[in-house]
Amino acid sequence: MTQRETQQDTRPSAAVKPVRWAADAVAAMREGARVRLDYSAQSLWRVDRMIDEIRREQPPYAAVDQVLRGFGAYAGEVIVRQTGAEWWASGGDHWIRTPDGRLWDPIDEARRCFAGQGSLRLLCRDATGAAGQA
């Protein structure tokens, strides 16, 4: 078995894009904003704050769509790593499924945060709490 086959066995193909988007967000935050993201639930406080700051600047949505996708993917990876959830994809949309069978959409939640109606930190709390009760 090759290393690539092993990686494919451990992570579904639906994870490829969100994992890359999350890694890009981590790199951009480290290099551009000097903020370190470590895939912990606590780091989502920083992400929520960063989205709030972006929203206050009132940029056009098109200018921040990729950033929000990266932040959502990052939050999804936090949940995946804490709960053993898996990425799922269909029609270009990506979401995660926690071991209890529930589906979560962290990328859409990042967009809701930008609209002032969501929280990646609270989504993670709910998803990790739900998975812990399964």
Protein backbone atom coordinates (compact mmCIF):
# COMPACT_ATOMS: atom_id res chain seq x y z
CA MET A 1 0.00 0.00 0.00
CA THR A 2 1.37 3.41 -0.95
CA GLN A 3 1.43 6.45 1.30
CA ARG A 4 -1.22 8.07 -0.91
CA GLU A 5 -3.56 5.09 -0.51
CA THR A 6 -3.06 5.22 3.24
CA GLN A 7 -3.91 8.93 3.34
CA GLN A 8 -7.00 8.33 1.22
CA ASP A 9 -8.10 5.58 3.60
CA THR A 10 -7.76 7.83 6.63
CA ARG A 11 -9.40 10.96 5.17
CA PRO A 12 -12.29 10.91 2.70
CA SER A 13 -11.73 12.66 -0.62
CA ALA A 14 -14.33 15.25 0.42
CA ALA A 15 -11.74 16.51 2.94
CA VAL A 16 -9.13 17.49 0.35
CA LYS A 17 -10.41 20.98 -0.47
CA PRO A 18 -11.54 22.04 3.03
CA VAL A 19 -8.26 20.84 4.57
CA ARG A 20 -6.36 22.97 2.04
CA TRP A 21 -8.67 25.98 2.61
CA ALA A 22 -8.14 25.66 6.37
CA ALA A 23 -4.36 25.45 5.97
CA ASP A 24 -4.42 28.50 3.69
CA ALA A 25 -6.41 30.43 6.33
CA VAL A 26 -3.92 29.44 9.04
CA ALA A 27 -1.00 30.58 6.86
CA ALA A 28 -2.71 33.86 5.89
CA MET A 29 -3.52 34.67 9.52
CA ARG A 30 0.04 33.88 10.61
CA GLU A 31 1.70 35.87 7.84
CA GLY A 32 -0.78 38.72 7.33
CA ALA A 33 -2.34 39.34 10.72
CA ARG A 34 0.35 37.79 12.95
CA VAL A 35 -2.34 35.62 14.55
CA ARG A 36 -1.51 32.01 15.34
CA LEU A 37 -4.25 29.44 14.82
CA ASP A 38 -3.57 26.02 16.35
CA TYR A 39 -6.75 24.04 15.52
CA SER A 40 -8.01 24.34 19.09
CA ALA A 41 -11.57 25.24 20.03
CA GLN A 42 -10.17 28.27 21.88
CA SER A 43 -8.64 29.60 18.65
CA LEU A 44 -12.13 30.04 17.24
CA TRP A 45 -12.54 33.07 19.55
CA ARG A 46 -9.84 34.75 17.47
CA VAL A 47 -11.52 33.74 14.22
CA ASP A 48 -14.90 35.08 15.33
CA ARG A 49 -13.21 38.34 16.37
CA MET A 50 -11.41 38.58 13.03
CA ILE A 51 -14.69 38.11 11.13
CA ASP A 52 -16.25 40.84 13.32
CA GLU A 53 -13.40 43.20 12.45
CA ILE A 54 -13.77 42.46 8.75
CA ARG A 55 -17.54 43.05 8.95
CA ARG A 56 -17.00 46.44 10.65
CA GLU A 57 -14.89 47.52 7.66
CA GLN A 58 -17.93 46.78 5.44
CA PRO A 59 -16.11 45.27 2.47
CA PRO A 60 -18.18 43.89 -0.42
CA TYR A 61 -19.05 40.25 0.16
CA ALA A 62 -17.24 39.17 -3.01
CA ALA A 63 -14.01 40.57 -1.56
CA VAL A 64 -14.18 38.35 1.54
CA ASP A 65 -15.90 35.19 0.28
CA GLN A 66 -12.65 33.21 0.00
CA VAL A 67 -11.51 34.34 3.45
CA LEU A 68 -14.83 33.30 4.99
CA ARG A 69 -14.61 29.92 3.24
CA GLY A 70 -11.15 29.44 4.75
CA PHE A 71 -12.33 30.40 8.22
CA GLY A 72 -15.30 28.04 7.94
CA ALA A 73 -13.08 25.21 6.75
CA TYR A 74 -10.72 25.92 9.65
CA ALA A 75 -13.61 25.66 12.13
CA GLY A 76 -14.68 22.43 10.45
CA GLU A 77 -11.19 21.02 10.85
CA VAL A 78 -11.24 21.94 14.54
CA ILE A 79 -14.46 19.92 14.90
CA VAL A 80 -13.11 17.03 12.81
CA ARG A 81 -9.97 16.79 14.92
CA GLN A 82 -11.87 16.96 18.22
CA THR A 83 -14.71 14.57 17.39
CA GLY A 84 -13.57 12.26 14.60
CA ALA A 85 -16.12 13.85 12.27
CA GLU A 86 -15.74 13.53 8.51
CA TRP A 87 -15.99 16.01 5.67
CA TRP A 88 -18.78 15.37 3.18
CA ALA A 89 -19.32 17.08 -0.16
CA SER A 90 -22.09 17.35 -2.70
CA GLY A 91 -22.64 19.77 -5.54
CA GLY A 92 -19.65 21.87 -4.54
CA ASP A 93 -20.84 22.32 -0.94
CA HIS A 94 -18.82 20.95 1.97
CA TRP A 95 -20.04 20.11 5.45
CA ILE A 96 -19.05 17.80 8.26
CA ARG A 97 -20.79 14.83 9.80
CA THR A 98 -20.08 14.15 13.44
CA PRO A 99 -20.02 10.56 14.73
CA ASP A 100 -23.58 11.01 16.06
CA GLY A 101 -24.76 11.39 12.44
CA ARG A 102 -25.53 15.12 12.61
CA LEU A 103 -24.51 17.39 9.75
CA TRP A 104 -22.84 20.76 10.35
CA ASP A 105 -22.03 23.52 7.85
CA PRO A 106 -19.09 25.52 9.22
CA ILE A 107 -18.46 27.30 5.91
CA ASP A 108 -22.02 28.65 5.88
CA GLU A 109 -21.64 29.51 9.58
CA ALA A 110 -18.63 31.70 8.71
CA ARG A 111 -20.84 33.52 6.20
CA ARG A 112 -23.51 33.89 8.91
CA CYS A 113 -20.85 35.36 11.21
CA PHE A 114 -20.02 37.94 8.55
CA ALA A 115 -23.72 38.81 8.42
CA GLY A 116 -23.65 39.25 12.22
CA GLN A 117 -25.77 36.16 12.92
CA GLY A 118 -23.39 33.32 13.72
CA SER A 119 -20.39 32.13 15.70
CA LEU A 120 -17.83 29.52 14.73
CA ARG A 121 -16.92 29.13 18.41
CA LEU A 122 -20.51 28.31 19.33
CA LEU A 123 -20.91 25.99 16.35
CA CYS A 124 -17.84 24.08 17.52
CA ARG A 125 -19.16 23.95 21.08
CA ASP A 126 -22.49 22.58 19.87
CA ALA A 127 -20.92 20.07 17.47
CA THR A 128 -18.33 18.77 19.93
CA GLY A 129 -20.91 18.60 22.72
CA ALA A 130 -23.35 16.71 20.50
CA ALA A 131 -20.66 14.29 19.39
CA GLY A 132 -19.65 13.69 23.00
CA GLN A 133 -23.20 12.64 23.86
CA ALA A 134 -23.44 10.11 21.02
